[in-house]
């Protein structure tokens, strides 16, 4: 009996050691975040073992687990009509509130979900409930894009899917079918979906034949660049849940169908060293020492290699392709962007991506709202349903919807 109690105590200690992470004192719901992160790590390690044994790709297994678990918590609403459709070969889920008396046209949001271009779905409850809440709160038609995922396809196919679905929806006859006001449409997305939303907006802005353009773009902790993995937020939050730096680098490698052997070189910015000629013209567009306020720079120093590996850019030219890294777009393109909302979280490696994009858009003459949260973490906005319900999720979601309501 004494041995059993000893074993139980040892297991409890090991579990506590596995779960515990030193987190900033400002993070909301820290123990819940530790438990969420521990669950993610355990599932990811299992998926990597399956990948190592060559039974299946780890991202396919991980996405299967996420979608299977998530569907158990789906919340429906009788007030919103939810239908699945295909827009120019791309699957979408459409959320339509009921028509109100004397109302002719509704406003609309095209939403692109996150998940590292590899995970989640418009059909899982996390995004289903977010889009349903948006449709209800805004009395708007919400189109959630079900783009294809890594490893089924890699860049630029996710971008093409999001662009085709959006272009199809922006056709006058399609908008009329859904009773949408052509002058009140927003493009939005979170994380990797924010990346796709920004890239789609940039592409639409350069389409001279487009007759209907989005009024707004709303980007939630977007991932916008793979040029510098040592911005202050990448250094500060390198081990933060839910998105540590090494995981974000691996998502980029997967998106570009690259080799994991490049991860360390990317981490120390070998791909954008001073002797890599392809990167020279882009360096000024991502100089965080001039784009970030001192409160974000803190005491961190730039990591710029004198000698690097130019072959990385030769093997993966998409690292400098603005369709994948919208923060590297030129000023002429940025001037054409619609009124913009960017939500960032202090405890997030991607914080500075969003802050720098806000500053570059502002410098180009675009009206920008930067909505920053000191106590929040990456991915928090979709965590509003038990058992992954966080005060940070409700807080950020309400702020985001409030801005859309006031500006769309």
Protein backbone atom coordinates (compact mmCIF):
# COMPACT_ATOMS: atom_id res chain seq x y z
CA UNK A 1 0.00 0.00 0.00
CA UNK A 2 2.83 2.36 0.90
CA UNK A 3 4.49 1.62 -2.48
CA UNK A 4 1.26 2.46 -4.29
CA UNK A 5 1.02 5.82 -2.53
CA UNK A 6 4.65 6.50 -3.37
CA UNK A 7 4.04 5.71 -7.03
CA UNK A 8 0.96 7.95 -7.04
CA UNK A 9 2.94 10.80 -5.49
CA UNK A 10 5.70 10.35 -8.08
CA UNK A 11 3.20 10.41 -10.94
CA UNK A 12 1.58 13.54 -9.52
CA UNK A 13 4.97 15.24 -9.28
CA UNK A 14 5.88 14.26 -12.84
CA UNK A 15 2.51 15.52 -14.10
CA UNK A 16 2.96 18.84 -12.30
CA UNK A 17 6.47 19.14 -13.74
CA UNK A 18 5.15 18.46 -17.27
CA UNK A 19 2.26 20.91 -16.94
CA UNK A 20 4.00 23.79 -15.17
CA UNK A 21 5.46 26.60 -17.25
CA UNK A 22 6.82 29.92 -15.99
CA UNK A 23 4.41 32.47 -17.46
CA UNK A 24 4.35 36.28 -17.28
CA UNK A 25 2.36 37.53 -14.31
CA UNK A 26 0.02 39.43 -16.61
CA UNK A 27 -1.29 36.36 -18.48
CA UNK A 28 -4.97 35.72 -17.81
CA UNK A 29 -6.03 32.25 -16.58
CA UNK A 30 -2.40 31.01 -16.29
CA UNK A 31 -3.14 27.52 -14.94
CA UNK A 32 -5.79 26.88 -17.55
CA UNK A 33 -3.30 27.98 -20.20
CA UNK A 34 -0.67 25.60 -18.79
CA UNK A 35 -3.14 22.71 -18.95
CA UNK A 36 -4.12 23.61 -22.52
CA UNK A 37 -0.47 23.79 -23.55
CA UNK A 38 0.36 20.49 -21.83
CA UNK A 39 -2.49 18.84 -23.72
CA UNK A 40 -1.25 20.30 -27.02
CA UNK A 41 2.30 19.12 -26.35
CA UNK A 42 1.19 15.61 -25.44
CA UNK A 43 -0.96 15.29 -28.56
CA UNK A 44 1.77 16.76 -30.79
CA UNK A 45 4.39 14.37 -29.41
CA UNK A 46 2.08 11.44 -30.10
CA UNK A 47 1.51 12.67 -33.66
CA UNK A 48 5.24 13.09 -34.25
CA UNK A 49 5.81 9.51 -33.06
CA UNK A 50 3.22 8.30 -35.58
CA UNK A 51 5.00 10.37 -38.25
CA UNK A 52 8.38 8.92 -37.22
CA UNK A 53 6.98 5.40 -37.55
CA UNK A 54 5.79 6.40 -41.05
CA UNK A 55 2.20 5.51 -40.28
CA UNK A 56 0.85 8.92 -41.32
CA UNK A 57 1.87 12.58 -41.61
CA UNK A 58 1.83 14.16 -38.14
CA UNK A 59 -0.28 17.12 -39.32
CA UNK A 60 -2.96 14.82 -40.74
CA UNK A 61 -3.17 12.94 -37.43
CA UNK A 62 -3.14 16.15 -35.39
CA UNK A 63 -5.89 17.72 -37.47
CA UNK A 64 -7.97 14.55 -37.20
CA UNK A 65 -7.69 14.63 -33.41
CA UNK A 66 -8.52 18.34 -33.24
CA UNK A 67 -11.55 18.06 -35.51
CA UNK A 68 -12.83 14.90 -33.81
CA UNK A 69 -12.57 16.40 -30.33
CA UNK A 70 -13.90 19.79 -31.40
CA UNK A 71 -17.05 18.42 -33.01
CA UNK A 72 -18.13 17.06 -29.62
CA UNK A 73 -18.68 20.63 -28.38
CA UNK A 74 -20.56 22.20 -31.26
CA UNK A 75 -23.08 24.87 -30.31
CA UNK A 76 -25.94 25.57 -32.70
CA UNK A 77 -28.34 28.46 -33.03
CA UNK A 78 -31.86 28.57 -34.34
CA UNK A 79 -31.41 32.23 -35.30
CA UNK A 80 -28.71 31.65 -37.93
CA UNK A 81 -29.09 29.67 -41.14
CA UNK A 82 -25.87 27.73 -41.76
CA UNK A 83 -25.26 26.23 -45.19
CA UNK A 84 -22.29 24.76 -47.03
CA UNK A 85 -21.54 25.90 -50.57
CA UNK A 86 -18.79 25.86 -53.19
CA UNK A 87 -17.40 29.16 -54.50
CA UNK A 88 -15.33 28.66 -57.67
CA UNK A 89 -14.23 25.20 -56.55
CA UNK A 90 -13.57 26.23 -52.93
CA UNK A 91 -15.75 24.98 -50.09
CA UNK A 92 -17.25 27.62 -47.82
CA UNK A 93 -19.67 27.72 -44.91
CA UNK A 94 -22.21 30.57 -45.01
CA UNK A 95 -23.88 32.01 -41.90
CA UNK A 96 -27.05 34.01 -42.64
CA UNK A 97 -29.15 35.80 -40.02
CA UNK A 98 -32.88 36.03 -40.70
CA UNK A 99 -34.14 38.97 -42.69
CA UNK A 100 -35.46 41.84 -40.62
CA UNK A 101 -38.57 43.80 -41.43
CA UNK A 102 -37.94 46.51 -44.05
CA UNK A 103 -34.29 45.44 -44.34
CA UNK A 104 -33.04 45.11 -47.91
CA UNK A 105 -29.31 44.38 -47.69
CA UNK A 106 -26.95 43.14 -45.01
CA UNK A 107 -23.30 43.77 -44.38
CA UNK A 108 -20.87 40.84 -44.70
CA UNK A 109 -17.57 39.37 -43.49
CA UNK A 110 -15.41 36.90 -45.40
CA UNK A 111 -13.59 34.99 -42.66
CA UNK A 112 -10.45 32.84 -43.11
CA UNK A 113 -9.62 30.54 -40.21
CA UNK A 114 -6.19 30.04 -38.65
CA UNK A 115 -4.23 26.90 -37.82
CA UNK A 116 -0.80 27.27 -39.41
CA UNK A 117 -2.25 26.65 -42.90
CA UNK A 118 -2.49 23.01 -41.76
CA UNK A 119 -5.02 22.65 -38.95
CA UNK A 120 -8.64 23.39 -38.01
CA UNK A 121 -11.66 23.87 -40.23
CA UNK A 122 -14.56 26.22 -40.86
CA UNK A 123 -16.78 23.33 -39.75
CA UNK A 124 -15.29 22.77 -36.28
CA UNK A 125 -17.12 24.29 -33.35
CA UNK A 126 -14.37 26.77 -32.47
CA UNK A 127 -14.77 28.58 -35.79
CA UNK A 128 -18.40 27.64 -36.30
CA UNK A 129 -19.27 29.38 -33.04
CA UNK A 130 -17.08 32.41 -33.76
CA UNK A 131 -18.72 32.96 -37.15
CA UNK A 132 -22.19 32.30 -35.75
CA UNK A 133 -21.57 34.88 -33.02
CA UNK A 134 -20.35 37.38 -35.62
CA UNK A 135 -23.41 36.80 -37.79
CA UNK A 136 -25.74 37.28 -34.82
CA UNK A 137 -23.96 40.27 -33.28
CA UNK A 138 -23.44 42.13 -36.55
CA UNK A 139 -26.60 40.95 -38.32
CA UNK A 140 -24.22 40.11 -41.14
CA UNK A 141 -23.70 37.35 -43.69
CA UNK A 142 -20.45 35.58 -42.75
CA UNK A 143 -18.63 33.47 -45.34
CA UNK A 144 -16.09 31.12 -43.72
CA UNK A 145 -13.54 29.82 -46.24
CA UNK A 146 -12.61 26.12 -46.10
CA UNK A 147 -9.28 26.34 -47.91
CA UNK A 148 -7.23 23.19 -48.49
CA UNK A 149 -4.58 22.37 -45.89
CA UNK A 150 -0.99 21.26 -45.58
CA UNK A 151 0.16 18.57 -46.33
CA UNK A 152 -2.53 18.00 -49.00
CA UNK A 153 -1.37 21.19 -50.69
CA UNK A 154 1.28 23.80 -49.91
CA UNK A 155 1.88 27.45 -50.84
CA UNK A 156 0.51 29.06 -52.95
CA UNK A 157 -2.61 26.87 -53.04
CA UNK A 158 -4.05 28.11 -49.73
CA UNK A 159 -3.68 31.67 -51.00
CA UNK A 160 -5.32 30.77 -54.32
CA UNK A 161 -8.25 29.08 -52.54
CA UNK A 162 -8.88 32.09 -50.31
CA UNK A 163 -8.56 34.48 -53.25
CA UNK A 164 -10.86 32.51 -55.56
CA UNK A 165 -13.56 32.14 -52.92
CA UNK A 166 -13.43 35.86 -52.12
CA UNK A 167 -13.46 36.94 -55.76
CA UNK A 168 -16.45 34.69 -56.40
CA UNK A 169 -18.35 36.15 -53.47
CA UNK A 170 -17.61 39.72 -54.61
CA UNK A 171 -19.48 39.19 -57.89
CA UNK A 172 -22.63 41.34 -58.00
CA UNK A 173 -24.97 38.42 -58.72
CA UNK A 174 -23.58 36.37 -55.82
CA UNK A 175 -23.89 39.28 -53.41
CA UNK A 176 -27.45 39.80 -54.60
CA UNK A 177 -28.21 36.11 -53.98
CA UNK A 178 -27.19 36.54 -50.33
CA UNK A 179 -28.73 40.04 -50.03
CA UNK A 180 -25.36 41.62 -49.22
CA UNK A 181 -24.60 45.34 -49.51
CA UNK A 182 -21.61 45.60 -51.92
CA UNK A 183 -20.28 48.63 -50.06
CA UNK A 184 -20.15 46.95 -46.64
CA UNK A 185 -17.88 43.90 -46.91
CA UNK A 186 -14.91 43.04 -44.68
CA UNK A 187 -12.12 40.52 -45.17
CA UNK A 188 -10.90 38.98 -41.93
CA UNK A 189 -8.92 36.10 -40.45
CA UNK A 190 -6.85 34.98 -37.49
CA UNK A 191 -3.22 33.83 -37.36
CA UNK A 192 -2.50 32.00 -40.66
CA UNK A 193 -5.98 33.09 -41.74
CA UNK A 194 -4.93 36.67 -41.02
CA UNK A 195 -1.96 36.07 -43.29
CA UNK A 196 -4.27 34.90 -46.07
CA UNK A 197 -6.72 37.76 -45.46
CA UNK A 198 -3.94 40.36 -45.75
CA UNK A 199 -2.53 38.70 -48.89
CA UNK A 200 -6.00 38.51 -50.47
CA UNK A 201 -6.65 42.19 -49.72
CA UNK A 202 -3.36 43.15 -51.31
CA UNK A 203 -4.14 41.11 -54.42
CA UNK A 204 -7.67 42.50 -54.72
CA UNK A 205 -6.36 46.05 -54.41
CA UNK A 206 -4.23 45.54 -57.52
CA UNK A 207 -7.03 44.03 -59.62
CA UNK A 208 -8.05 46.81 -62.00
CA UNK A 209 -11.07 44.85 -63.25
CA UNK A 210 -12.64 44.41 -59.82
CA UNK A 211 -15.81 46.47 -59.48
CA UNK A 212 -16.56 45.64 -55.83
CA UNK A 213 -13.83 45.96 -53.19
CA UNK A 214 -13.79 45.25 -49.45
CA UNK A 215 -14.51 48.20 -47.19
CA UNK A 216 -12.38 46.85 -44.32
CA UNK A 217 -9.80 44.27 -43.37
CA UNK A 218 -9.60 42.90 -39.83
CA UNK A 219 -6.53 40.84 -38.92
CA UNK A 220 -6.35 38.87 -35.67
CA UNK A 221 -2.77 38.22 -34.42
CA UNK A 222 -1.74 37.69 -38.06
CA UNK A 223 1.44 35.93 -39.17
CA UNK A 224 2.90 38.27 -41.77
CA UNK A 225 6.60 37.60 -42.26
CA UNK A 226 9.28 34.89 -42.34
CA UNK A 227 12.15 37.35 -42.77
CA UNK A 228 13.16 37.81 -39.14
CA UNK A 229 12.56 35.21 -36.42
CA UNK A 230 14.29 37.40 -33.84
CA UNK A 231 11.97 40.36 -33.53
CA UNK A 232 11.48 41.39 -29.88
CA UNK A 233 8.25 39.40 -29.63
CA UNK A 234 9.91 36.29 -31.09
CA UNK A 235 12.71 36.63 -28.53
CA UNK A 236 10.43 37.51 -25.62
CA UNK A 237 7.86 34.76 -26.27
CA UNK A 238 10.02 32.02 -27.77
CA UNK A 239 8.65 29.43 -25.32
CA UNK A 240 5.13 30.77 -24.84
CA UNK A 241 2.04 28.62 -25.29
CA UNK A 242 0.22 28.11 -27.66
CA UNK A 243 2.74 29.02 -30.32
CA UNK A 244 6.45 28.80 -29.34
CA UNK A 245 8.96 30.05 -31.88
CA UNK A 246 10.15 26.63 -33.07
CA UNK A 247 6.55 25.58 -33.81
CA UNK A 248 5.93 28.72 -35.89
CA UNK A 249 9.10 28.08 -37.87
CA UNK A 250 7.98 24.51 -38.54
CA UNK A 251 4.59 25.79 -39.76
CA UNK A 252 6.42 28.01 -42.26
CA UNK A 253 8.57 25.07 -43.41
CA UNK A 254 5.46 22.91 -43.86
CA UNK A 255 3.65 25.72 -45.72
CA UNK A 256 6.54 26.00 -48.17
CA UNK A 257 7.07 22.22 -48.38
CA UNK A 258 10.61 22.76 -47.13
CA UNK A 259 13.03 20.64 -45.15
CA UNK A 260 13.07 20.62 -41.33
CA UNK A 261 16.87 20.62 -41.52
CA UNK A 262 16.56 24.33 -42.35
CA UNK A 263 14.86 25.16 -39.05
CA UNK A 264 18.01 26.23 -37.18
CA UNK A 265 19.25 28.38 -40.07
CA UNK A 266 15.89 30.12 -40.21
CA UNK A 267 15.86 30.61 -36.45
CA UNK A 268 19.16 32.53 -36.52
CA UNK A 269 18.19 34.47 -39.69
CA UNK A 270 20.78 32.86 -41.95
CA UNK A 271 18.31 33.15 -44.84
CA UNK A 272 18.34 36.97 -44.66
CA UNK A 273 22.01 37.60 -43.81
CA UNK A 274 23.74 40.70 -45.17
CA UNK A 275 25.39 38.71 -47.97
CA UNK A 276 22.08 37.23 -49.22
CA UNK A 277 21.46 39.52 -52.19
CA UNK A 278 17.81 38.49 -52.67
CA UNK A 279 16.95 39.87 -49.23
CA UNK A 280 18.67 43.25 -49.53
CA UNK A 281 15.78 45.16 -51.10
CA UNK A 282 13.34 43.93 -48.43
CA UNK A 283 15.40 44.76 -45.34
CA UNK A 284 14.12 48.34 -45.04
CA UNK A 285 10.50 47.14 -45.10
CA UNK A 286 11.02 45.13 -41.94
CA UNK A 287 13.35 47.22 -39.82
CA UNK A 288 11.76 46.74 -36.42
CA UNK A 289 14.09 49.25 -34.79
CA UNK A 290 12.18 51.97 -36.64
CA UNK A 291 8.74 50.34 -36.92
CA UNK A 292 8.20 49.29 -33.30
CA UNK A 293 7.63 51.65 -30.38
CA UNK A 294 10.24 51.47 -27.63
CA UNK A 295 7.73 49.78 -25.31
CA UNK A 296 7.79 46.75 -27.63
CA UNK A 297 11.50 46.87 -28.45
CA UNK A 298 12.43 46.77 -24.75
CA UNK A 299 16.13 45.84 -24.48
CA UNK A 300 16.18 43.32 -27.34
CA UNK A 301 18.82 43.60 -30.06
CA UNK A 302 18.51 42.79 -33.78
CA UNK A 303 19.97 39.47 -34.94
CA UNK A 304 21.59 40.15 -38.31
CA UNK A 305 24.06 37.65 -39.70
CA UNK A 306 26.96 38.97 -41.79
CA UNK A 307 27.36 35.70 -43.65
CA UNK A 308 24.41 33.40 -44.28
CA UNK A 309 23.06 30.77 -46.62
CA UNK A 310 21.78 32.22 -49.89
CA UNK A 311 20.82 28.73 -51.08
CA UNK A 312 17.88 28.75 -48.64
CA UNK A 313 16.18 31.52 -50.64
CA UNK A 314 17.08 29.74 -53.86
CA UNK A 315 15.45 26.54 -52.59
CA UNK A 316 12.46 28.32 -51.00
CA UNK A 317 11.88 31.59 -52.91
CA UNK A 318 8.45 31.87 -51.25
CA UNK A 319 10.23 33.16 -48.12
CA UNK A 320 10.33 36.51 -49.95
CA UNK A 321 7.04 36.19 -51.87
CA UNK A 322 4.61 38.90 -50.74
CA UNK A 323 1.68 36.52 -51.32
CA UNK A 324 3.10 34.53 -48.40
CA UNK A 325 4.68 37.38 -46.43
CA UNK A 326 2.40 40.44 -46.81
CA UNK A 327 4.54 42.59 -44.52
CA UNK A 328 7.15 42.76 -47.31
CA UNK A 329 4.75 44.45 -49.77
CA UNK A 330 5.88 47.74 -51.27
CA UNK A 331 4.44 51.09 -50.19
CA UNK A 332 2.48 51.48 -53.43
CA UNK A 333 0.52 48.32 -52.61
CA UNK A 334 0.00 49.30 -48.98
CA UNK A 335 -1.49 52.65 -50.03
CA UNK A 336 -4.33 50.76 -51.72
CA UNK A 337 -5.39 48.80 -48.62
CA UNK A 338 -8.78 49.40 -46.99
CA UNK A 339 -9.36 50.71 -43.49
CA UNK A 340 -7.69 48.19 -41.19
CA UNK A 341 -8.05 46.63 -37.74
CA UNK A 342 -5.18 44.61 -36.27
CA UNK A 343 -5.46 42.75 -32.96
CA UNK A 344 -2.23 41.79 -31.21
CA UNK A 345 -1.37 40.02 -27.94
CA UNK A 346 1.62 40.79 -25.75
CA UNK A 347 2.37 37.13 -25.04
CA UNK A 348 2.65 36.07 -28.68
CA UNK A 349 5.63 35.57 -31.00
CA UNK A 350 3.56 37.22 -33.76
CA UNK A 351 2.87 40.42 -31.82
CA UNK A 352 5.46 42.45 -33.73
CA UNK A 353 4.27 41.19 -37.13
CA UNK A 354 0.94 42.89 -36.51
CA UNK A 355 2.42 46.03 -34.93
CA UNK A 356 4.88 46.52 -37.82
CA UNK A 357 2.15 46.03 -40.41
CA UNK A 358 -0.01 48.59 -38.63
CA UNK A 359 2.85 51.08 -38.71
CA UNK A 360 3.67 50.47 -42.37
CA UNK A 361 0.01 50.85 -43.35
CA UNK A 362 -0.24 54.02 -41.29
CA UNK A 363 2.90 55.39 -42.98
CA UNK A 364 1.25 54.64 -46.33
CA UNK A 365 -1.80 56.73 -45.39
CA UNK A 366 -4.20 53.91 -44.41
CA UNK A 367 -6.49 54.41 -41.40
CA UNK A 368 -5.47 51.73 -38.88
CA UNK A 369 -6.74 50.62 -35.47
CA UNK A 370 -4.15 48.64 -33.49
CA UNK A 371 -5.97 46.81 -30.70
CA UNK A 372 -3.32 45.47 -28.29
CA UNK A 373 -3.95 43.24 -25.26
CA UNK A 374 -1.29 43.00 -22.54
CA UNK A 375 -2.75 39.93 -20.83
CA UNK A 376 -3.61 37.77 -23.85
CA UNK A 377 -1.89 35.02 -25.83
CA UNK A 378 -1.86 33.67 -29.38
CA UNK A 379 -5.05 31.95 -30.47
CA UNK A 380 -7.08 33.14 -27.50
CA UNK A 381 -10.02 34.58 -29.46
CA UNK A 382 -11.38 31.17 -30.47
CA UNK A 383 -11.16 29.78 -26.93
CA UNK A 384 -14.59 30.76 -25.63
CA UNK A 385 -16.25 27.34 -25.16
CA UNK A 386 -15.85 25.03 -22.16
CA UNK A 387 -13.45 23.43 -21.36
CA UNK A 388 -11.20 25.81 -23.33
CA UNK A 389 -13.03 28.96 -22.29
CA UNK A 390 -10.70 31.83 -21.42
CA UNK A 391 -11.51 35.35 -20.27
CA UNK A 392 -8.96 36.45 -22.88
CA UNK A 393 -11.10 34.83 -25.58
CA UNK A 394 -14.27 36.69 -24.60
CA UNK A 395 -12.35 39.95 -24.16
CA UNK A 396 -10.67 39.88 -27.57
CA UNK A 397 -13.74 38.58 -29.42
CA UNK A 398 -15.94 41.33 -27.99
CA UNK A 399 -13.42 44.04 -28.90
CA UNK A 400 -13.05 42.69 -32.44
CA UNK A 401 -16.81 42.47 -33.04
CA UNK A 402 -17.35 45.92 -31.51
CA UNK A 403 -14.90 47.44 -34.02
CA UNK A 404 -16.58 45.68 -36.92
CA UNK A 405 -19.99 46.84 -35.71
CA UNK A 406 -18.84 50.45 -35.52
CA UNK A 407 -16.99 50.51 -38.84
CA UNK A 408 -18.63 48.07 -41.26
